PDB file of N, CA and C in Angstrom:
ATOM      1  N   ASP A   1      88.050  12.188 121.260  1.00  0.00           N
ATOM      2  CA  ASP A   1      88.342  12.129 119.830  1.00  0.00           C
ATOM      3  C   ASP A   1      87.442  11.087 119.167  1.00  0.00           C
ATOM      4  N   VAL A   2      86.875  11.427 118.050  1.00  0.00           N
ATOM      5  CA  VAL A   2      85.949  10.550 117.339  1.00  0.00           C
ATOM      6  C   VAL A   2      86.625   9.260 116.896  1.00  0.00           C
ATOM      7  N   ASN A   3      87.862   9.324 116.445  1.00  0.00           N
ATOM      8  CA  ASN A   3      88.551   8.144 115.929  1.00  0.00           C
ATOM      9  C   ASN A   3      89.396   7.412 116.968  1.00  0.00           C
ATOM     10  N   SER A   4      89.221   7.708 118.240  1.00  0.00           N
ATOM     11  CA  SER A   4      89.958   6.987 119.275  1.00  0.00           C
ATOM     12  C   SER A   4      89.445   5.554 119.348  1.00  0.00           C
ATOM     13  N   PRO A   5      90.335   4.569 119.288  1.00  0.00           N
ATOM     14  CA  PRO A   5      89.880   3.181 119.332  1.00  0.00           C
ATOM     15  C   PRO A   5      89.440   2.767 120.734  1.00  0.00           C
ATOM     16  N   ILE A   6      88.633   1.728 120.771  1.00  0.00           N
ATOM     17  CA  ILE A   6      88.275   1.076 122.030  1.00  0.00           C
ATOM     18  C   ILE A   6      89.265  -0.078 122.170  1.00  0.00           C
ATOM     19  N   ILE A   7      90.069  -0.056 123.213  1.00  0.00           N
ATOM     20  CA  ILE A   7      91.078  -1.095 123.413  1.00  0.00           C
ATOM     21  C   ILE A   7      90.685  -1.921 124.627  1.00  0.00           C
ATOM     22  N   MET A   8      90.667  -3.241 124.429  1.00  0.00           N
ATOM     23  CA  MET A   8      90.273  -4.158 125.495  1.00  0.00           C
ATOM     24  C   MET A   8      91.286  -5.290 125.594  1.00  0.00           C
ATOM     25  N   ARG A   9      91.367  -5.848 126.784  1.00  0.00           N
ATOM     26  CA  ARG A   9      92.210  -7.026 126.971  1.00  0.00           C
ATOM     27  C   ARG A   9      91.335  -8.258 126.773  1.00  0.00           C
ATOM     28  N   GLY A  10      91.796  -9.169 125.938  1.00  0.00           N
ATOM     29  CA  GLY A  10      91.047 -10.391 125.664  1.00  0.00           C
ATOM     30  C   GLY A  10      91.627 -11.569 126.419  1.00  0.00           C
ATOM     31  N   LYS A  11      91.296 -12.748 125.955  1.00  0.00           N
ATOM     32  CA  LYS A  11      91.784 -13.985 126.565  1.00  0.00           C
ATOM     33  C   LYS A  11      93.211 -14.276 126.117  1.00  0.00           C
ATOM     34  N   GLU A  12      93.920 -15.042 126.920  1.00  0.00           N
ATOM     35  CA  GLU A  12      95.263 -15.528 126.599  1.00  0.00           C
ATOM     36  C   GLU A  12      96.254 -14.413 126.275  1.00  0.00           C
ATOM     37  N   GLY A  13      96.123 -13.270 126.946  1.00  0.00           N
ATOM     38  CA  GLY A  13      97.068 -12.180 126.767  1.00  0.00           C
ATOM     39  C   GLY A  13      96.897 -11.376 125.496  1.00  0.00           C
ATOM     40  N   LYS A  14      95.786 -11.587 124.806  1.00  0.00           N
ATOM     41  CA  LYS A  14      95.540 -10.848 123.564  1.00  0.00           C
ATOM     42  C   LYS A  14      94.887  -9.511 123.865  1.00  0.00           C
ATOM     43  N   TYR A  15      95.118  -8.564 122.993  1.00  0.00           N
ATOM     44  CA  TYR A  15      94.484  -7.252 123.070  1.00  0.00           C
ATOM     45  C   TYR A  15      93.670  -7.044 121.805  1.00  0.00           C
ATOM     46  N   LEU A  16      92.546  -6.322 121.948  1.00  0.00           N
ATOM     47  CA  LEU A  16      91.676  -6.032 120.820  1.00  0.00           C
ATOM     48  C   LEU A  16      91.473  -4.534 120.730  1.00  0.00           C
ATOM     49  N   ALA A  17      91.559  -4.012 119.526  1.00  0.00           N
ATOM     50  CA  ALA A  17      91.294  -2.591 119.290  1.00  0.00           C
ATOM     51  C   ALA A  17      90.189  -2.487 118.244  1.00  0.00           C
ATOM     52  N   TYR A  18      89.092  -1.857 118.637  1.00  0.00           N
ATOM     53  CA  TYR A  18      87.977  -1.589 117.735  1.00  0.00           C
ATOM     54  C   TYR A  18      88.096  -0.126 117.348  1.00  0.00           C
ATOM     55  N   GLY A  19      88.165   0.154 116.047  1.00  0.00           N
ATOM     56  CA  GLY A  19      88.347   1.542 115.656  1.00  0.00           C
ATOM     57  C   GLY A  19      87.811   1.856 114.281  1.00  0.00           C
ATOM     58  N   LYS A  20      87.822   3.148 113.988  1.00  0.00           N
ATOM     59  CA  LYS A  20      87.314   3.662 112.723  1.00  0.00           C
ATOM     60  C   LYS A  20      88.426   4.439 112.030  1.00  0.00           C
ATOM     61  N   THR A  21      88.664   4.129 110.760  1.00  0.00           N
ATOM     62  CA  THR A  21      89.688   4.838 109.997  1.00  0.00           C
ATOM     63  C   THR A  21      89.170   6.215 109.594  1.00  0.00           C
ATOM     64  N   ASN A  22      90.061   7.072 109.131  1.00  0.00           N
ATOM     65  CA  ASN A  22      89.647   8.391 108.647  1.00  0.00           C
ATOM     66  C   ASN A  22      88.699   8.276 107.464  1.00  0.00           C
ATOM     67  N   GLY A  23      88.776   7.165 106.734  1.00  0.00           N
ATOM     68  CA  GLY A  23      87.882   6.930 105.607  1.00  0.00           C
ATOM     69  C   GLY A  23      86.545   6.326 106.004  1.00  0.00           C
ATOM     70  N   GLY A  24      86.365   6.046 107.310  1.00  0.00           N
ATOM     71  CA  GLY A  24      85.099   5.522 107.801  1.00  0.00           C
ATOM     72  C   GLY A  24      85.022   4.008 107.909  1.00  0.00           C
ATOM     73  N   ARG A  25      86.104   3.321 107.628  1.00  0.00           N
ATOM     74  CA  ARG A  25      86.127   1.857 107.702  1.00  0.00           C
ATOM     75  C   ARG A  25      86.244   1.424 109.161  1.00  0.00           C
ATOM     76  N   LEU A  26      85.425   0.443 109.567  1.00  0.00           N
ATOM     77  CA  LEU A  26      85.456  -0.073 110.934  1.00  0.00           C
ATOM     78  C   LEU A  26      86.344  -1.314 110.972  1.00  0.00           C
ATOM     79  N   LEU A  27      87.407  -1.250 111.771  1.00  0.00           N
ATOM     80  CA  LEU A  27      88.393  -2.330 111.824  1.00  0.00           C
ATOM     81  C   LEU A  27      88.538  -2.894 113.229  1.00  0.00           C
ATOM     82  N   LEU A  28      88.885  -4.179 113.272  1.00  0.00           N
ATOM     83  CA  LEU A  28      89.260  -4.847 114.514  1.00  0.00           C
ATOM     84  C   LEU A  28      90.701  -5.307 114.342  1.00  0.00           C
ATOM     85  N   VAL A  29      91.551  -4.947 115.299  1.00  0.00           N
ATOM     86  CA  VAL A  29      92.951  -5.382 115.290  1.00  0.00           C
ATOM     87  C   VAL A  29      93.182  -6.174 116.573  1.00  0.00           C
ATOM     88  N   VAL A  30      93.772  -7.361 116.426  1.00  0.00           N
ATOM     89  CA  VAL A  30      94.075  -8.220 117.578  1.00  0.00           C
ATOM     90  C   VAL A  30      95.582  -8.438 117.602  1.00  0.00           C
ATOM     91  N   TRP A  31      96.174  -8.271 118.797  1.00  0.00           N
ATOM     92  CA  TRP A  31      97.620  -8.462 118.917  1.00  0.00           C
ATOM     93  C   TRP A  31      97.969  -9.051 120.273  1.00  0.00           C
ATOM     94  N   VAL A  32      99.199  -9.545 120.368  1.00  0.00           N
ATOM     95  CA  VAL A  32      99.754 -10.088 121.607  1.00  0.00           C
ATOM     96  C   VAL A  32     101.016  -9.295 121.912  1.00  0.00           C
ATOM     97  N   ALA A  33     101.188  -8.926 123.167  1.00  0.00           N
ATOM     98  CA  ALA A  33     102.396  -8.219 123.600  1.00  0.00           C
ATOM     99  C   ALA A  33     103.109  -9.095 124.631  1.00  0.00           C
ATOM    100  N   LYS A  34     104.323  -9.535 124.289  1.00  0.00           N
ATOM    101  CA  LYS A  34     105.117 -10.367 125.195  1.00  0.00           C
ATOM    102  C   LYS A  34     106.571  -9.947 125.113  1.00  0.00           C
ATOM    103  N   TYR A  35     107.199  -9.875 126.255  1.00  0.00           N
ATOM    104  CA  TYR A  35     108.636  -9.618 126.331  1.00  0.00           C
ATOM    105  C   TYR A  35     109.058  -8.424 125.474  1.00  0.00           C
ATOM    106  N   ARG A  36     108.323  -7.324 125.619  1.00  0.00           N
ATOM    107  CA  ARG A  36     108.619  -6.062 124.932  1.00  0.00           C
ATOM    108  C   ARG A  36     108.523  -6.171 123.415  1.00  0.00           C
ATOM    109  N   LYS A  37     107.790  -7.184 122.933  1.00  0.00           N
ATOM    110  CA  LYS A  37     107.552  -7.341 121.500  1.00  0.00           C
ATOM    111  C   LYS A  37     106.045  -7.420 121.271  1.00  0.00           C
ATOM    112  N   THR A  38     105.619  -6.940 120.125  1.00  0.00           N
ATOM    113  CA  THR A  38     104.206  -6.983 119.765  1.00  0.00           C
ATOM    114  C   THR A  38     104.046  -7.786 118.486  1.00  0.00           C
ATOM    115  N   LYS A  39     103.077  -8.696 118.486  1.00  0.00           N
ATOM    116  CA  LYS A  39     102.797  -9.503 117.299  1.00  0.00           C
ATOM    117  C   LYS A  39     101.337  -9.295 116.918  1.00  0.00           C
ATOM    118  N   ILE A  40     101.104  -8.827 115.695  1.00  0.00           N
ATOM    119  CA  ILE A  40      99.745  -8.653 115.201  1.00  0.00           C
ATOM    120  C   ILE A  40      99.199 -10.028 114.831  1.00  0.00           C
ATOM    121  N   ILE A  41      98.034 -10.359 115.375  1.00  0.00           N
ATOM    122  CA  ILE A  41      97.387 -11.631 115.072  1.00  0.00           C
ATOM    123  C   ILE A  41      96.497 -11.473 113.844  1.00  0.00           C
ATOM    124  N   THR A  42      95.676 -10.422 113.841  1.00  0.00           N
ATOM    125  CA  THR A  42      94.798 -10.156 112.706  1.00  0.00           C
ATOM    126  C   THR A  42      94.387  -8.692 112.687  1.00  0.00           C
ATOM    127  N   ALA A  43      94.059  -8.217 111.516  1.00  0.00           N
ATOM    128  CA  ALA A  43      93.473  -6.889 111.324  1.00  0.00           C
ATOM    129  C   ALA A  43      92.454  -7.066 110.207  1.00  0.00           C
ATOM    130  N   ARG A  44      91.182  -6.772 110.505  1.00  0.00           N
ATOM    131  CA  ARG A  44      90.124  -7.047 109.534  1.00  0.00           C
ATOM    132  C   ARG A  44      88.942  -6.128 109.759  1.00  0.00           C
ATOM    133  N   ASP A  45      88.028  -6.129 108.784  1.00  0.00           N
ATOM    134  CA  ASP A  45      86.776  -5.398 108.958  1.00  0.00           C
ATOM    135  C   ASP A  45      85.983  -6.047 110.081  1.00  0.00           C
ATOM    136  N   MET A  46      85.263  -5.233 110.841  1.00  0.00           N
ATOM    137  CA  MET A  46      84.445  -5.759 111.932  1.00  0.00           C
ATOM    138  C   MET A  46      83.259  -6.547 111.387  1.00  0.00           C
ATOM    139  N   SER A  47      82.876  -7.577 112.140  1.00  0.00           N
ATOM    140  CA  SER A  47      81.656  -8.319 111.826  1.00  0.00           C
ATOM    141  C   SER A  47      80.455  -7.456 112.215  1.00  0.00           C
ATOM    142  N   LYS A  48      79.273  -7.885 111.833  1.00  0.00           N
ATOM    143  CA  LYS A  48      78.055  -7.150 112.172  1.00  0.00           C
ATOM    144  C   LYS A  48      77.919  -6.999 113.694  1.00  0.00           C
ATOM    145  N   LYS A  49      78.176  -8.075 114.422  1.00  0.00           N
ATOM    146  CA  LYS A  49      78.082  -8.057 115.884  1.00  0.00           C
ATOM    147  C   LYS A  49      79.113  -7.101 116.491  1.00  0.00           C
ATOM    148  N   GLU A  50      80.331  -7.102 115.964  1.00  0.00           N
ATOM    149  CA  GLU A  50      81.390  -6.209 116.450  1.00  0.00           C
ATOM    150  C   GLU A  50      81.050  -4.748 116.167  1.00  0.00           C
ATOM    151  N   LYS A  51      80.451  -4.484 115.002  1.00  0.00           N
ATOM    152  CA  LYS A  51      80.026  -3.122 114.670  1.00  0.00           C
ATOM    153  C   LYS A  51      78.978  -2.632 115.660  1.00  0.00           C
ATOM    154  N   GLN A  52      78.030  -3.502 116.003  1.00  0.00           N
ATOM    155  CA  GLN A  52      76.997  -3.133 116.977  1.00  0.00           C
ATOM    156  C   GLN A  52      77.628  -2.808 118.321  1.00  0.00           C
ATOM    157  N   PHE A  53      78.565  -3.630 118.772  1.00  0.00           N
ATOM    158  CA  PHE A  53      79.272  -3.399 120.029  1.00  0.00           C
ATOM    159  C   PHE A  53      79.993  -2.052 119.995  1.00  0.00           C
ATOM    160  N   TYR A  54      80.725  -1.802 118.910  1.00  0.00           N
ATOM    161  CA  TYR A  54      81.495  -0.565 118.764  1.00  0.00           C
ATOM    162  C   TYR A  54      80.575   0.656 118.811  1.00  0.00           C
ATOM    163  N   LYS A  55      79.499   0.608 118.060  1.00  0.00           N
ATOM    164  CA  LYS A  55      78.583   1.752 117.992  1.00  0.00           C
ATOM    165  C   LYS A  55      77.913   2.020 119.335  1.00  0.00           C
ATOM    166  N   ARG A  56      77.576   0.956 120.080  1.00  0.00           N
ATOM    167  CA  ARG A  56      76.994   1.140 121.426  1.00  0.00           C
ATOM    168  C   ARG A  56      78.000   1.796 122.368  1.00  0.00           C
ATOM    169  N   ARG A  57      79.249   1.375 122.306  1.00  0.00           N
ATOM    170  CA  ARG A  57      80.281   1.904 123.208  1.00  0.00           C
ATOM    171  C   ARG A  57      80.693   3.329 122.874  1.00  0.00           C
ATOM    172  N   LYS A  58      80.548   3.735 121.615  1.00  0.00           N
ATOM    173  CA  LYS A  58      80.982   5.071 121.198  1.00  0.00           C
ATOM    174  C   LYS A  58      79.916   6.143 121.403  1.00  0.00           C
ATOM    175  N   LYS A  59      78.729   5.768 121.857  1.00  0.00           N
ATOM    176  CA  LYS A  59      77.666   6.769 122.086  1.00  0.00           C
ATOM    177  C   LYS A  59      78.014   7.671 123.238  1.00  0.00           C
TER     178      LYS A  59
END
């Protein structure tokens, strides 16, 4: 699927999702999952470096 996010495990138990909205916006979402609860840390537009990473991985 074209809009399937790239999900990675980061440091300190954080997860990162790099994805593209149906409108074409490139977003990064960072969250923590502990004790059956999820807490969103941030959701924002990708930086230039993150966009490059995303585009390389989606080829």
